[in-house]
Amino acid sequence: MKDVDDAIAHINRHSTKHSDSIVTKEETNARRFLKLVDSAAVYWNASTRFTDGGEFGFGAEMGISTQKLHARGPFCAGELTSTKYEIVGTGQVR
C-alpha cells in the first residue's frame, strides 16, 4: 500500500467488515482509518481479538454476523440501527 488512503480503500473493498486494525504512531492516519474503514469494530494499536460480546460488556453472544443488518426474521426499529465501535489502544493483545 502506498498510503493510508490506499489501505482504507483495499480494506473496504476486500474486508469481511467485521473488525480491522491499524498499528501506527501517526494520529492523523489512525483517526482517518477509524473514521473511514467500514467495519463493525475498528482498532488503533490494539488486537481485533477484542471483538467479542463479552469484551464489550454485552454478556454472552447469541451469534456473530458480519452484515450491517444482522437481524433475521421479524425485527423492529432497534435492529435497523448499525453500530460502529472505535477502539484506541497502546498495543494490547488478547
Protein backbone atom coordinates (compact mmCIF):
# COMPACT_ATOMS: atom_id res chain seq x y z
CA MET A 1 0.00 0.00 0.00
CA LYS A 2 1.35 3.42 -0.84
CA ASP A 3 -0.53 5.33 1.89
CA VAL A 4 -3.34 5.09 4.43
CA ASP A 5 -6.00 6.01 1.85
CA ASP A 6 -4.87 3.14 -0.37
CA ALA A 7 -5.03 0.79 2.63
CA ILE A 8 -8.51 2.02 3.59
CA ALA A 9 -9.76 1.52 0.03
CA HIS A 10 -8.30 -2.01 -0.03
CA ILE A 11 -9.87 -2.92 3.31
CA ASN A 12 -13.27 -1.52 2.34
CA ARG A 13 -13.15 -3.49 -0.91
CA HIS A 14 -11.93 -6.85 0.48
CA SER A 15 -12.63 -6.98 4.23
CA THR A 16 -15.30 -9.10 5.91
CA LYS A 17 -16.40 -5.82 7.59
CA HIS A 18 -16.21 -7.47 11.00
CA SER A 19 -13.09 -5.93 12.57
CA ASP A 20 -9.98 -4.21 11.25
CA SER A 21 -6.97 -2.61 12.92
CA ILE A 22 -4.20 -0.10 12.23
CA VAL A 23 -0.85 -0.05 14.03
CA THR A 24 0.71 3.41 13.86
CA LYS A 25 2.05 6.31 15.90
CA GLU A 26 0.58 8.77 13.38
CA GLU A 27 -2.64 10.04 14.95
CA THR A 28 -3.84 11.68 11.73
CA ASN A 29 -3.63 8.37 9.84
CA ALA A 30 -5.21 6.47 12.71
CA ARG A 31 -8.16 8.87 13.03
CA ARG A 32 -8.71 8.72 9.26
CA PHE A 33 -8.65 4.90 9.41
CA LEU A 34 -11.12 4.81 12.33
CA LYS A 35 -13.48 7.17 10.53
CA LEU A 36 -13.37 5.69 7.03
CA VAL A 37 -12.97 1.93 7.40
CA ASP A 38 -16.43 0.38 7.02
CA SER A 39 -16.26 -2.36 9.68
CA ALA A 40 -18.28 -3.12 12.80
CA ALA A 41 -15.22 -2.55 15.00
CA VAL A 42 -12.09 -0.61 14.09
CA TYR A 43 -8.99 -0.57 16.26
CA TRP A 44 -5.96 1.67 16.66
CA ASN A 45 -2.95 -0.10 18.19
CA ALA A 46 -4.98 -2.98 19.63
CA SER A 47 -5.77 -6.54 18.59
CA THR A 48 -9.00 -7.31 16.72
CA ARG A 49 -9.33 -10.32 19.02
CA PHE A 50 -11.11 -7.95 21.42
CA THR A 51 -14.16 -8.04 19.10
CA ASP A 52 -16.26 -10.18 21.38
CA GLY A 53 -19.60 -9.60 23.09
CA GLY A 54 -18.11 -10.37 26.50
CA GLU A 55 -15.22 -7.94 25.98
CA PHE A 56 -17.70 -5.19 25.02
CA GLY A 57 -19.76 -5.87 28.13
CA PHE A 58 -22.73 -7.35 26.28
CA GLY A 59 -22.66 -10.69 28.12
CA ALA A 60 -22.78 -13.96 26.23
CA GLU A 61 -23.00 -13.81 22.45
CA MET A 62 -26.04 -15.25 20.76
CA GLY A 63 -24.40 -15.15 17.34
CA ILE A 64 -21.88 -13.34 15.19
CA SER A 65 -22.70 -11.51 11.97
CA THR A 66 -20.52 -9.62 9.52
CA GLN A 67 -23.57 -8.00 7.97
CA LYS A 68 -24.63 -4.43 8.76
CA LEU A 69 -28.24 -5.54 9.13
CA HIS A 70 -27.87 -8.55 11.35
CA ALA A 71 -31.49 -9.29 12.32
CA ARG A 72 -33.23 -12.37 10.94
CA GLY A 73 -36.99 -12.75 10.82
CA PRO A 74 -39.30 -10.08 12.31
CA PHE A 75 -37.50 -7.07 13.72
CA CYS A 76 -38.21 -3.51 14.93
CA ALA A 77 -36.51 -0.12 14.61
CA GLY A 78 -33.74 -1.09 17.05
CA GLU A 79 -32.41 -3.78 14.71
CA LEU A 80 -32.26 -1.28 11.84
CA THR A 81 -29.52 0.66 13.62
CA SER A 82 -25.93 -0.09 12.64
CA THR A 83 -23.21 0.44 15.23
CA LYS A 84 -19.53 1.13 14.67
CA TYR A 85 -17.02 0.86 17.53
CA GLU A 86 -13.71 2.74 17.64
CA ILE A 87 -11.11 1.24 19.96
CA VAL A 88 -7.82 3.03 20.71
CA GLY A 89 -5.10 1.03 22.42
CA THR A 90 -1.39 1.11 23.19
CA GLY A 91 -0.53 -2.33 21.79
CA GLN A 92 -2.78 -4.59 23.86
CA VAL A 93 -3.19 -8.19 22.80
CA ARG A 94 -5.62 -10.86 23.95
